[in-house]
Amino acid sequence: MENNKNSILNSGEIIERYNYPVLNERAIRASAGIMLLLATIASINGFILKNYYVIPYIVGFLLLNFLIGVFINPKFVPTFMLGSWIVSKQTPIYIGAIQKRFAWSLGIVLSGTIFFLSFKLLSDPSYFNSVCRLCVICIFLMYLESVFGICVGCKLYNLAIKLKLMKKPVEKQNCIGDSCEIKE
């Protein structure tokens, strides 16, 4: 991805004191909180009220958020834009964008799978348990991110680098509280 400050296709923002793409951790957590709220609404509608028709719409919106964040630019993600506005009066905490992009890629896989299965659920209730389990996993991951600032996808990214499944990035990762520093 192009890291030019003026580029639309960008994985983060280039800030003067950093020479790599960064994102505002506060806005990320606010975005995760908004997605957590939406996923909870979908789960309550589907699994308590048995209104399965809501699930594909909400999960589709969450999938769209992840797709925009990974393939276009996080600043165009609807929940990130709202989250940025909510925390606009707070001093930003900048973190590296590369591991968030990896985590959002995992979000694409999870939400894409739920999205596909939710259409199956509309015609065949036997998909209920599969959809329910995946929704619980997504809600749990968004809860960890929004409440505690723990990005499980970022942890998996670092594990993949340690196991040499991925190449170590050239740029510093800069996670909140140095939680993702890779020790050789």
N, C-alpha and C. Protein backbone atom coordinates (compact mmCIF):
# COMPACT_ATOMS: atom_id res chain seq x y z
N MET A 1 0.84 -1.19 0.00
CA MET A 1 0.00 0.00 0.00
C MET A 1 0.88 1.25 0.00
N GLU A 2 0.40 2.23 -0.61
CA GLU A 2 1.07 3.51 -0.68
C GLU A 2 0.98 4.19 0.68
N ASN A 3 2.09 4.73 1.17
CA ASN A 3 2.09 5.40 2.45
C ASN A 3 2.23 6.91 2.31
N ASN A 4 1.96 7.42 1.15
CA ASN A 4 1.97 8.85 0.93
C ASN A 4 0.87 9.48 1.76
N LYS A 5 1.17 10.58 2.42
CA LYS A 5 0.21 11.24 3.30
C LYS A 5 -1.06 11.64 2.55
N ASN A 6 -0.95 11.97 1.29
CA ASN A 6 -2.10 12.43 0.52
C ASN A 6 -2.82 11.32 -0.22
N SER A 7 -2.37 10.10 -0.11
CA SER A 7 -2.95 8.99 -0.85
C SER A 7 -4.26 8.52 -0.23
N ILE A 8 -5.21 8.15 -1.09
CA ILE A 8 -6.47 7.58 -0.60
C ILE A 8 -6.23 6.16 -0.14
N LEU A 9 -5.44 5.41 -0.93
CA LEU A 9 -5.11 4.03 -0.56
C LEU A 9 -3.93 4.06 0.39
N ASN A 10 -4.22 3.89 1.67
CA ASN A 10 -3.22 4.08 2.70
C ASN A 10 -3.59 3.22 3.89
N SER A 11 -2.61 2.64 4.56
CA SER A 11 -2.91 1.80 5.72
C SER A 11 -2.87 2.56 7.03
N GLY A 12 -2.59 3.82 6.98
CA GLY A 12 -2.54 4.64 8.19
C GLY A 12 -2.13 6.06 7.84
N GLU A 13 -1.89 6.81 8.87
CA GLU A 13 -1.54 8.22 8.72
C GLU A 13 -0.04 8.37 8.95
N ILE A 14 0.61 9.23 8.18
CA ILE A 14 2.03 9.52 8.42
C ILE A 14 2.08 10.81 9.25
N ILE A 15 2.63 10.68 10.45
CA ILE A 15 2.77 11.80 11.38
C ILE A 15 4.25 12.18 11.40
N GLU A 16 4.53 13.46 11.55
CA GLU A 16 5.91 13.96 11.48
C GLU A 16 6.91 13.17 12.31
N ARG A 17 6.57 12.85 13.55
CA ARG A 17 7.56 12.20 14.43
C ARG A 17 7.70 10.69 14.18
N TYR A 18 6.86 10.15 13.31
CA TYR A 18 6.94 8.73 12.96
C TYR A 18 7.25 8.61 11.48
N ASN A 19 8.04 7.63 11.12
CA ASN A 19 8.36 7.43 9.70
C ASN A 19 7.65 6.20 9.15
N TYR A 20 6.55 5.84 9.76
CA TYR A 20 5.75 4.70 9.35
C TYR A 20 4.29 5.03 9.59
N PRO A 21 3.37 4.31 8.95
CA PRO A 21 1.94 4.60 9.13
C PRO A 21 1.47 4.30 10.55
N VAL A 22 0.68 5.20 11.08
CA VAL A 22 0.14 5.04 12.44
C VAL A 22 -1.37 5.28 12.43
N LEU A 23 -2.00 4.82 13.49
CA LEU A 23 -3.42 5.05 13.72
C LEU A 23 -3.61 5.54 15.15
N ASN A 24 -4.69 6.25 15.38
CA ASN A 24 -5.01 6.73 16.72
C ASN A 24 -5.66 5.59 17.50
N GLU A 25 -4.97 5.11 18.53
CA GLU A 25 -5.46 4.00 19.34
C GLU A 25 -6.80 4.31 19.99
N ARG A 26 -6.99 5.55 20.38
CA ARG A 26 -8.27 5.92 20.99
C ARG A 26 -9.43 5.75 20.00
N ALA A 27 -9.21 6.17 18.77
CA ALA A 27 -10.25 6.03 17.74
C ALA A 27 -10.47 4.56 17.39
N ILE A 28 -9.40 3.76 17.39
CA ILE A 28 -9.51 2.32 17.14
C ILE A 28 -10.40 1.68 18.20
N ARG A 29 -10.14 2.01 19.46
CA ARG A 29 -10.93 1.42 20.55
C ARG A 29 -12.37 1.88 20.50
N ALA A 30 -12.59 3.16 20.15
CA ALA A 30 -13.97 3.66 20.02
C ALA A 30 -14.68 2.93 18.88
N SER A 31 -13.97 2.73 17.77
CA SER A 31 -14.53 2.00 16.63
C SER A 31 -14.89 0.57 17.04
N ALA A 32 -14.00 -0.08 17.77
CA ALA A 32 -14.27 -1.45 18.24
C ALA A 32 -15.48 -1.47 19.17
N GLY A 33 -15.63 -0.44 19.99
CA GLY A 33 -16.79 -0.34 20.87
C GLY A 33 -18.09 -0.18 20.09
N ILE A 34 -18.05 0.59 19.03
CA ILE A 34 -19.24 0.78 18.18
C ILE A 34 -19.58 -0.55 17.49
N MET A 35 -18.56 -1.23 16.99
CA MET A 35 -18.80 -2.53 16.34
C MET A 35 -19.29 -3.56 17.36
N LEU A 36 -18.78 -3.49 18.59
CA LEU A 36 -19.25 -4.37 19.65
C LEU A 36 -20.74 -4.15 19.91
N LEU A 37 -21.15 -2.89 19.97
CA LEU A 37 -22.56 -2.57 20.18
C LEU A 37 -23.41 -3.13 19.04
N LEU A 38 -22.99 -2.94 17.80
CA LEU A 38 -23.74 -3.45 16.64
C LEU A 38 -23.81 -4.98 16.65
N ALA A 39 -22.69 -5.63 16.97
CA ALA A 39 -22.67 -7.09 17.01
C ALA A 39 -23.57 -7.61 18.13
N THR A 40 -23.62 -6.90 19.24
CA THR A 40 -24.50 -7.29 20.34
C THR A 40 -25.97 -7.15 19.93
N ILE A 41 -26.28 -6.08 19.23
CA ILE A 41 -27.65 -5.89 18.73
C ILE A 41 -28.04 -7.02 17.78
N ALA A 42 -27.13 -7.39 16.88
CA ALA A 42 -27.39 -8.49 15.95
C ALA A 42 -27.58 -9.79 16.71
N SER A 43 -26.75 -10.03 17.71
CA SER A 43 -26.84 -11.27 18.48
C SER A 43 -28.15 -11.34 19.27
N ILE A 44 -28.53 -10.25 19.89
CA ILE A 44 -29.78 -10.24 20.65
C ILE A 44 -30.96 -10.49 19.71
N ASN A 45 -30.96 -9.82 18.56
CA ASN A 45 -32.04 -10.02 17.59
C ASN A 45 -32.08 -11.47 17.10
N GLY A 46 -30.93 -12.01 16.81
CA GLY A 46 -30.89 -13.35 16.24
C GLY A 46 -31.06 -14.46 17.24
N PHE A 47 -30.37 -14.36 18.35
CA PHE A 47 -30.29 -15.52 19.23
C PHE A 47 -31.24 -15.46 20.42
N ILE A 48 -31.78 -14.32 20.73
CA ILE A 48 -32.78 -14.22 21.79
C ILE A 48 -34.17 -14.01 21.20
N LEU A 49 -34.27 -13.06 20.26
CA LEU A 49 -35.57 -12.75 19.66
C LEU A 49 -35.88 -13.62 18.44
N LYS A 50 -34.91 -14.42 17.99
CA LYS A 50 -35.05 -15.30 16.82
C LYS A 50 -35.39 -14.54 15.54
N ASN A 51 -34.95 -13.30 15.46
CA ASN A 51 -35.11 -12.47 14.27
C ASN A 51 -33.80 -12.52 13.48
N TYR A 52 -33.62 -13.58 12.69
CA TYR A 52 -32.38 -13.82 11.97
C TYR A 52 -32.15 -12.84 10.82
N TYR A 53 -33.16 -12.16 10.38
CA TYR A 53 -33.03 -11.27 9.21
C TYR A 53 -32.15 -10.06 9.49
N VAL A 54 -31.96 -9.71 10.74
CA VAL A 54 -31.12 -8.56 11.09
C VAL A 54 -29.64 -8.89 10.95
N ILE A 55 -29.28 -10.14 11.19
CA ILE A 55 -27.86 -10.54 11.25
C ILE A 55 -27.10 -10.22 9.97
N PRO A 56 -27.59 -10.60 8.77
CA PRO A 56 -26.79 -10.31 7.57
C PRO A 56 -26.56 -8.81 7.33
N TYR A 57 -27.53 -7.99 7.71
CA TYR A 57 -27.36 -6.54 7.51
C TYR A 57 -26.27 -5.98 8.42
N ILE A 58 -26.33 -6.32 9.68
CA ILE A 58 -25.34 -5.78 10.62
C ILE A 58 -23.96 -6.38 10.35
N VAL A 59 -23.90 -7.69 10.15
CA VAL A 59 -22.61 -8.34 9.88
C VAL A 59 -22.04 -7.85 8.55
N GLY A 60 -22.92 -7.62 7.58
CA GLY A 60 -22.47 -7.06 6.30
C GLY A 60 -21.84 -5.68 6.47
N PHE A 61 -22.43 -4.88 7.34
CA PHE A 61 -21.87 -3.55 7.63
C PHE A 61 -20.51 -3.69 8.32
N LEU A 62 -20.38 -4.62 9.25
CA LEU A 62 -19.10 -4.84 9.93
C LEU A 62 -18.05 -5.33 8.94
N LEU A 63 -18.46 -6.24 8.06
CA LEU A 63 -17.55 -6.74 7.01
C LEU A 63 -17.09 -5.59 6.13
N LEU A 64 -18.00 -4.73 5.76
CA LEU A 64 -17.65 -3.55 4.94
C LEU A 64 -16.62 -2.68 5.66
N ASN A 65 -16.78 -2.49 6.97
CA ASN A 65 -15.81 -1.72 7.76
C ASN A 65 -14.41 -2.33 7.64
N PHE A 66 -14.32 -3.64 7.83
CA PHE A 66 -13.02 -4.30 7.74
C PHE A 66 -12.43 -4.22 6.34
N LEU A 67 -13.26 -4.42 5.32
CA LEU A 67 -12.78 -4.35 3.93
C LEU A 67 -12.23 -2.97 3.60
N ILE A 68 -12.93 -1.93 3.99
CA ILE A 68 -12.46 -0.56 3.74
C ILE A 68 -11.15 -0.32 4.49
N GLY A 69 -11.08 -0.76 5.76
CA GLY A 69 -9.88 -0.55 6.56
C GLY A 69 -8.65 -1.25 6.01
N VAL A 70 -8.83 -2.42 5.43
CA VAL A 70 -7.69 -3.19 4.91
C VAL A 70 -7.32 -2.76 3.49
N PHE A 71 -8.32 -2.60 2.62
CA PHE A 71 -8.03 -2.41 1.21
C PHE A 71 -8.07 -0.96 0.73
N ILE A 72 -8.65 -0.06 1.50
CA ILE A 72 -8.69 1.34 1.07
C ILE A 72 -7.91 2.20 2.06
N ASN A 73 -8.55 2.59 3.15
CA ASN A 73 -7.91 3.47 4.12
C ASN A 73 -8.76 3.49 5.39
N PRO A 74 -8.16 3.25 6.56
CA PRO A 74 -8.94 3.25 7.79
C PRO A 74 -9.72 4.55 8.04
N LYS A 75 -9.22 5.67 7.54
CA LYS A 75 -9.93 6.92 7.81
C LYS A 75 -11.28 7.00 7.10
N PHE A 76 -11.57 6.08 6.17
CA PHE A 76 -12.86 6.04 5.49
C PHE A 76 -13.80 4.98 6.08
N VAL A 77 -13.37 4.28 7.10
CA VAL A 77 -14.21 3.28 7.77
C VAL A 77 -15.27 4.01 8.58
N PRO A 78 -16.56 3.72 8.35
CA PRO A 78 -17.61 4.45 9.06
C PRO A 78 -17.49 4.44 10.58
N THR A 79 -17.22 3.27 11.17
CA THR A 79 -17.11 3.24 12.64
C THR A 79 -15.86 3.96 13.12
N PHE A 80 -14.78 3.94 12.33
CA PHE A 80 -13.57 4.67 12.70
C PHE A 80 -13.79 6.18 12.61
N MET A 81 -14.55 6.60 11.60
CA MET A 81 -14.85 8.03 11.47
C MET A 81 -15.68 8.50 12.67
N LEU A 82 -16.69 7.72 13.05
CA LEU A 82 -17.51 8.07 14.21
C LEU A 82 -16.68 8.01 15.49
N GLY A 83 -15.86 6.96 15.62
CA GLY A 83 -14.99 6.84 16.79
C GLY A 83 -14.00 7.99 16.88
N SER A 84 -13.46 8.42 15.75
CA SER A 84 -12.53 9.57 15.73
C SER A 84 -13.23 10.84 16.19
N TRP A 85 -14.46 11.01 15.77
CA TRP A 85 -15.23 12.18 16.18
C TRP A 85 -15.51 12.13 17.69
N ILE A 86 -15.85 10.96 18.19
CA ILE A 86 -16.15 10.81 19.63
C ILE A 86 -14.94 11.15 20.48
N VAL A 87 -13.75 10.76 20.06
CA VAL A 87 -12.54 10.99 20.86
C VAL A 87 -11.75 12.21 20.39
N SER A 88 -12.35 13.04 19.56
CA SER A 88 -11.63 14.16 18.95
C SER A 88 -11.06 15.16 19.96
N LYS A 89 -11.63 15.25 21.13
CA LYS A 89 -11.13 16.18 22.15
C LYS A 89 -10.00 15.58 23.00
N GLN A 90 -9.71 14.30 22.78
CA GLN A 90 -8.66 13.62 23.54
C GLN A 90 -7.35 13.63 22.76
N THR A 91 -6.25 13.66 23.48
CA THR A 91 -4.94 13.61 22.84
C THR A 91 -4.75 12.24 22.20
N PRO A 92 -4.41 12.21 20.90
CA PRO A 92 -4.24 10.91 20.24
C PRO A 92 -3.07 10.11 20.81
N ILE A 93 -3.22 8.81 20.81
CA ILE A 93 -2.14 7.90 21.13
C ILE A 93 -1.88 7.13 19.84
N TYR A 94 -0.73 7.36 19.24
CA TYR A 94 -0.46 6.75 17.94
C TYR A 94 0.20 5.40 18.10
N ILE A 95 -0.30 4.45 17.31
CA ILE A 95 0.25 3.10 17.27
C ILE A 95 0.51 2.73 15.82
N GLY A 96 1.37 1.76 15.61
CA GLY A 96 1.66 1.31 14.25
C GLY A 96 0.43 0.73 13.58
N ALA A 97 0.27 0.99 12.30
CA ALA A 97 -0.91 0.55 11.56
C ALA A 97 -0.78 -0.87 11.01
N ILE A 98 0.45 -1.37 10.86
CA ILE A 98 0.64 -2.64 10.17
C ILE A 98 -0.03 -3.81 10.89
N GLN A 99 0.10 -3.88 12.22
CA GLN A 99 -0.51 -5.00 12.94
C GLN A 99 -2.03 -4.87 13.01
N LYS A 100 -2.55 -3.65 13.00
CA LYS A 100 -4.00 -3.46 12.97
C LYS A 100 -4.57 -3.92 11.63
N ARG A 101 -3.83 -3.68 10.58
CA ARG A 101 -4.27 -4.14 9.25
C ARG A 101 -4.35 -5.66 9.21
N PHE A 102 -3.39 -6.32 9.82
CA PHE A 102 -3.41 -7.78 9.91
C PHE A 102 -4.62 -8.23 10.73
N ALA A 103 -4.85 -7.59 11.86
CA ALA A 103 -5.99 -7.94 12.72
C ALA A 103 -7.31 -7.74 11.99
N TRP A 104 -7.43 -6.67 11.23
CA TRP A 104 -8.66 -6.42 10.46
C TRP A 104 -8.82 -7.46 9.35
N SER A 105 -7.70 -7.97 8.83
CA SER A 105 -7.80 -9.05 7.84
C SER A 105 -8.43 -10.29 8.47
N LEU A 106 -8.08 -10.57 9.71
CA LEU A 106 -8.73 -11.66 10.43
C LEU A 106 -10.21 -11.35 10.66
N GLY A 107 -10.51 -10.07 10.89
CA GLY A 107 -11.91 -9.63 11.03
C GLY A 107 -12.69 -9.87 9.75
N ILE A 108 -12.03 -9.70 8.60
CA ILE A 108 -12.67 -9.99 7.32
C ILE A 108 -13.04 -11.47 7.24
N VAL A 109 -12.12 -12.32 7.63
CA VAL A 109 -12.37 -13.77 7.58
C VAL A 109 -13.53 -14.14 8.50
N LEU A 110 -13.50 -13.67 9.74
CA LEU A 110 -14.57 -14.00 10.69
C LEU A 110 -15.91 -13.44 10.27
N SER A 111 -15.96 -12.14 9.98
CA SER A 111 -17.25 -11.52 9.63
C SER A 111 -17.74 -12.02 8.27
N GLY A 112 -16.84 -12.30 7.36
CA GLY A 112 -17.23 -12.85 6.07
C GLY A 112 -17.86 -14.23 6.21
N THR A 113 -17.28 -15.04 7.09
CA THR A 113 -17.83 -16.37 7.35
C THR A 113 -19.21 -16.26 8.00
N ILE A 114 -19.34 -15.38 8.98
CA ILE A 114 -20.65 -15.18 9.63
C ILE A 114 -21.66 -14.65 8.62
N PHE A 115 -21.23 -13.73 7.78
CA PHE A 115 -22.12 -13.15 6.77
C PHE A 115 -22.67 -14.25 5.85
N PHE A 116 -21.77 -15.10 5.37
CA PHE A 116 -22.19 -16.20 4.49
C PHE A 116 -23.12 -17.16 5.23
N LEU A 117 -22.73 -17.57 6.44
CA LEU A 117 -23.54 -18.52 7.21
C LEU A 117 -24.88 -17.94 7.63
N SER A 118 -24.94 -16.61 7.81
CA SER A 118 -26.21 -16.01 8.23
C SER A 118 -27.27 -16.14 7.13
N PHE A 119 -26.86 -16.13 5.87
CA PHE A 119 -27.81 -16.35 4.79
C PHE A 119 -28.27 -17.81 4.78
N LYS A 120 -27.36 -18.72 5.10
CA LYS A 120 -27.73 -20.13 5.21
C LYS A 120 -28.72 -20.32 6.37
N LEU A 121 -28.48 -19.57 7.45
CA LEU A 121 -29.33 -19.67 8.64
C LEU A 121 -30.77 -19.27 8.33
N LEU A 122 -30.95 -18.32 7.42
CA LEU A 122 -32.31 -17.88 7.07
C LEU A 122 -33.15 -19.01 6.50
N SER A 123 -32.50 -19.93 5.79
CA SER A 123 -33.26 -21.03 5.18
C SER A 123 -33.08 -22.36 5.90
N ASP A 124 -32.05 -22.46 6.75
CA ASP A 124 -31.79 -23.73 7.43
C ASP A 124 -31.33 -23.45 8.87
N PRO A 125 -32.20 -23.62 9.85
CA PRO A 125 -31.86 -23.33 11.24
C PRO A 125 -30.72 -24.19 11.81
N SER A 126 -30.29 -25.22 11.09
CA SER A 126 -29.19 -26.05 11.59
C SER A 126 -27.87 -25.28 11.64
N TYR A 127 -27.79 -24.13 10.97
CA TYR A 127 -26.58 -23.30 11.00
C TYR A 127 -26.52 -22.41 12.25
N PHE A 128 -27.54 -22.48 13.08
CA PHE A 128 -27.64 -21.62 14.26
C PHE A 128 -26.40 -21.73 15.15
N ASN A 129 -25.98 -22.95 15.50
CA ASN A 129 -24.85 -23.12 16.41
C ASN A 129 -23.55 -22.57 15.83
N SER A 130 -23.32 -22.79 14.55
CA SER A 130 -22.10 -22.28 13.91
C SER A 130 -22.07 -20.76 13.94
N VAL A 131 -23.18 -20.14 13.56
CA VAL A 131 -23.26 -18.68 13.55
C VAL A 131 -23.11 -18.14 14.97
N CYS A 132 -23.78 -18.78 15.91
CA CYS A 132 -23.73 -18.34 17.30
C CYS A 132 -22.31 -18.39 17.86
N ARG A 133 -21.59 -19.47 17.61
CA ARG A 133 -20.21 -19.59 18.12
C ARG A 133 -19.30 -18.53 17.53
N LEU A 134 -19.41 -18.32 16.23
CA LEU A 134 -18.56 -17.31 15.59
C LEU A 134 -18.91 -15.90 16.10
N CYS A 135 -20.19 -15.64 16.31
CA CYS A 135 -20.59 -14.33 16.84
C CYS A 135 -20.02 -14.11 18.24
N VAL A 136 -20.05 -15.14 19.06
CA VAL A 136 -19.50 -15.03 20.42
C VAL A 136 -18.01 -14.73 20.36
N ILE A 137 -17.29 -15.40 19.45
CA ILE A 137 -15.86 -15.14 19.29
C ILE A 137 -15.63 -13.68 18.88
N CYS A 138 -16.39 -13.20 17.88
CA CYS A 138 -16.24 -11.81 17.43
C CYS A 138 -16.54 -10.81 18.55
N ILE A 139 -17.62 -11.05 19.25
CA ILE A 139 -17.99 -10.14 20.35
C ILE A 139 -16.90 -10.13 21.42
N PHE A 140 -16.37 -11.29 21.74
CA PHE A 140 -15.30 -11.37 22.73
C PHE A 140 -14.06 -10.60 22.28
N LEU A 141 -13.67 -10.76 21.02
CA LEU A 141 -12.49 -10.06 20.50
C LEU A 141 -12.70 -8.54 20.49
N MET A 142 -13.90 -8.11 20.09
CA MET A 142 -14.19 -6.67 20.10
C MET A 142 -14.25 -6.12 21.52
N TYR A 143 -14.73 -6.93 22.45
CA TYR A 143 -14.77 -6.53 23.86
C TYR A 143 -13.34 -6.33 24.38
N LEU A 144 -12.46 -7.29 24.12
CA LEU A 144 -11.07 -7.16 24.56
C LEU A 144 -10.43 -5.90 24.00
N GLU A 145 -10.68 -5.61 22.72
CA GLU A 145 -10.09 -4.43 22.07
C GLU A 145 -10.65 -3.14 22.66
N SER A 146 -11.97 -3.05 22.75
CA SER A 146 -12.58 -1.78 23.16
C SER A 146 -12.41 -1.50 24.64
N VAL A 147 -12.48 -2.51 25.49
CA VAL A 147 -12.43 -2.29 26.93
C VAL A 147 -11.01 -2.31 27.47
N PHE A 148 -10.21 -3.28 27.05
CA PHE A 148 -8.88 -3.44 27.62
C PHE A 148 -7.75 -3.01 26.69
N GLY A 149 -8.06 -2.71 25.43
CA GLY A 149 -7.03 -2.34 24.48
C GLY A 149 -6.17 -3.53 24.07
N ILE A 150 -6.71 -4.74 24.20
CA ILE A 150 -5.98 -5.95 23.83
C ILE A 150 -6.42 -6.36 22.43
N CYS A 151 -5.49 -6.31 21.50
CA CYS A 151 -5.76 -6.69 20.12
C CYS A 151 -5.23 -8.10 19.89
N VAL A 152 -6.12 -9.07 19.89
CA VAL A 152 -5.72 -10.47 19.72
C VAL A 152 -5.11 -10.68 18.34
N GLY A 153 -5.65 -10.03 17.32
CA GLY A 153 -5.08 -10.12 15.98
C GLY A 153 -3.65 -9.61 15.94
N CYS A 154 -3.37 -8.54 16.70
CA CYS A 154 -2.01 -8.01 16.77
C CYS A 154 -1.08 -9.02 17.43
N LYS A 155 -1.59 -9.70 18.46
CA LYS A 155 -0.79 -10.73 19.14
C LYS A 155 -0.49 -11.89 18.18
N LEU A 156 -1.50 -12.27 17.37
CA LEU A 156 -1.29 -13.34 16.39
C LEU A 156 -0.30 -12.90 15.32
N TYR A 157 -0.33 -11.63 14.96
CA TYR A 157 0.62 -11.09 13.98
C TYR A 157 2.05 -11.24 14.52
N ASN A 158 2.25 -10.87 15.78
CA ASN A 158 3.58 -10.99 16.37
C ASN A 158 4.02 -12.44 16.50
N LEU A 159 3.07 -13.31 16.84
CA LEU A 159 3.39 -14.74 16.92
C LEU A 159 3.81 -15.26 15.55
N ALA A 160 3.13 -14.85 14.50
CA ALA A 160 3.49 -15.28 13.14
C ALA A 160 4.89 -14.81 12.78
N ILE A 161 5.27 -13.62 13.23
CA ILE A 161 6.62 -13.12 12.96
C ILE A 161 7.65 -13.92 13.76
N LYS A 162 7.35 -14.18 15.04
CA LYS A 162 8.26 -14.96 15.87
C LYS A 162 8.47 -16.36 15.32
N LEU A 163 7.40 -16.96 14.80
CA LEU A 163 7.48 -18.30 14.23
C LEU A 163 8.03 -18.28 12.80
N LYS A 164 8.38 -17.09 12.34
CA LYS A 164 8.92 -16.87 10.99
C LYS A 164 7.95 -17.29 9.89
N LEU A 165 6.66 -17.17 10.18
CA LEU A 165 5.63 -17.41 9.16
C LEU A 165 5.44 -16.16 8.31
N MET A 166 5.87 -15.03 8.85
CA MET A 166 5.80 -13.75 8.15
C MET A 166 7.14 -13.04 8.32
N LYS A 167 7.43 -12.17 7.38
CA LYS A 167 8.65 -11.38 7.44
C LYS A 167 8.47 -10.24 8.44
N LYS A 168 9.50 -10.00 9.23
CA LYS A 168 9.45 -8.90 10.20
C LYS A 168 9.36 -7.58 9.44
N PRO A 169 8.44 -6.70 9.85
CA PRO A 169 8.29 -5.42 9.14
C PRO A 169 9.52 -4.53 9.33
N VAL A 170 9.78 -3.71 8.33
CA VAL A 170 10.91 -2.78 8.40
C VAL A 170 10.63 -1.72 9.45
N GLU A 171 9.37 -1.23 9.45
CA GLU A 171 9.03 -0.17 10.38
C GLU A 171 8.73 -0.72 11.77
N LYS A 172 8.91 0.14 12.75
CA LYS A 172 8.58 -0.20 14.13
C LYS A 172 7.08 -0.42 14.24
N GLN A 173 6.67 -1.31 15.12
CA GLN A 173 5.25 -1.61 15.24
C GLN A 173 4.52 -0.66 16.18
N ASN A 174 5.13 -0.23 17.23
CA ASN A 174 4.57 0.76 18.13
C ASN A 174 3.17 0.41 18.61
N CYS A 175 3.07 -0.60 19.45
CA CYS A 175 1.79 -0.97 20.04
C CYS A 175 1.58 -0.22 21.35
N ILE A 176 0.34 -0.16 21.77
CA ILE A 176 -0.01 0.51 23.02
C ILE A 176 0.76 -0.14 24.17
N GLY A 177 1.44 0.67 24.96
CA GLY A 177 2.21 0.16 26.10
C GLY A 177 3.33 -0.78 25.70
N ASP A 178 3.83 -0.66 24.46
CA ASP A 178 4.88 -1.54 23.94
C ASP A 178 4.52 -3.01 24.08
N SER A 179 3.24 -3.33 23.99
CA SER A 179 2.77 -4.70 24.21
C SER A 179 3.10 -5.65 23.07
N CYS A 180 3.51 -5.13 21.93
CA CYS A 180 3.79 -6.05 20.82
C CYS A 180 5.23 -5.98 20.36
N GLU A 181 6.11 -5.52 21.20
CA GLU A 181 7.52 -5.49 20.82
C GLU A 181 8.00 -6.93 20.65
N ILE A 182 8.71 -7.17 19.58
CA ILE A 182 9.19 -8.51 19.29
C ILE A 182 10.62 -8.62 19.77
N LYS A 183 10.82 -9.50 20.74
CA LYS A 183 12.14 -9.70 21.28
C LYS A 183 12.79 -10.86 20.54
N GLU A 184 13.99 -10.64 20.08
CA GLU A 184 14.71 -11.69 19.32
C GLU A 184 15.22 -12.76 20.27
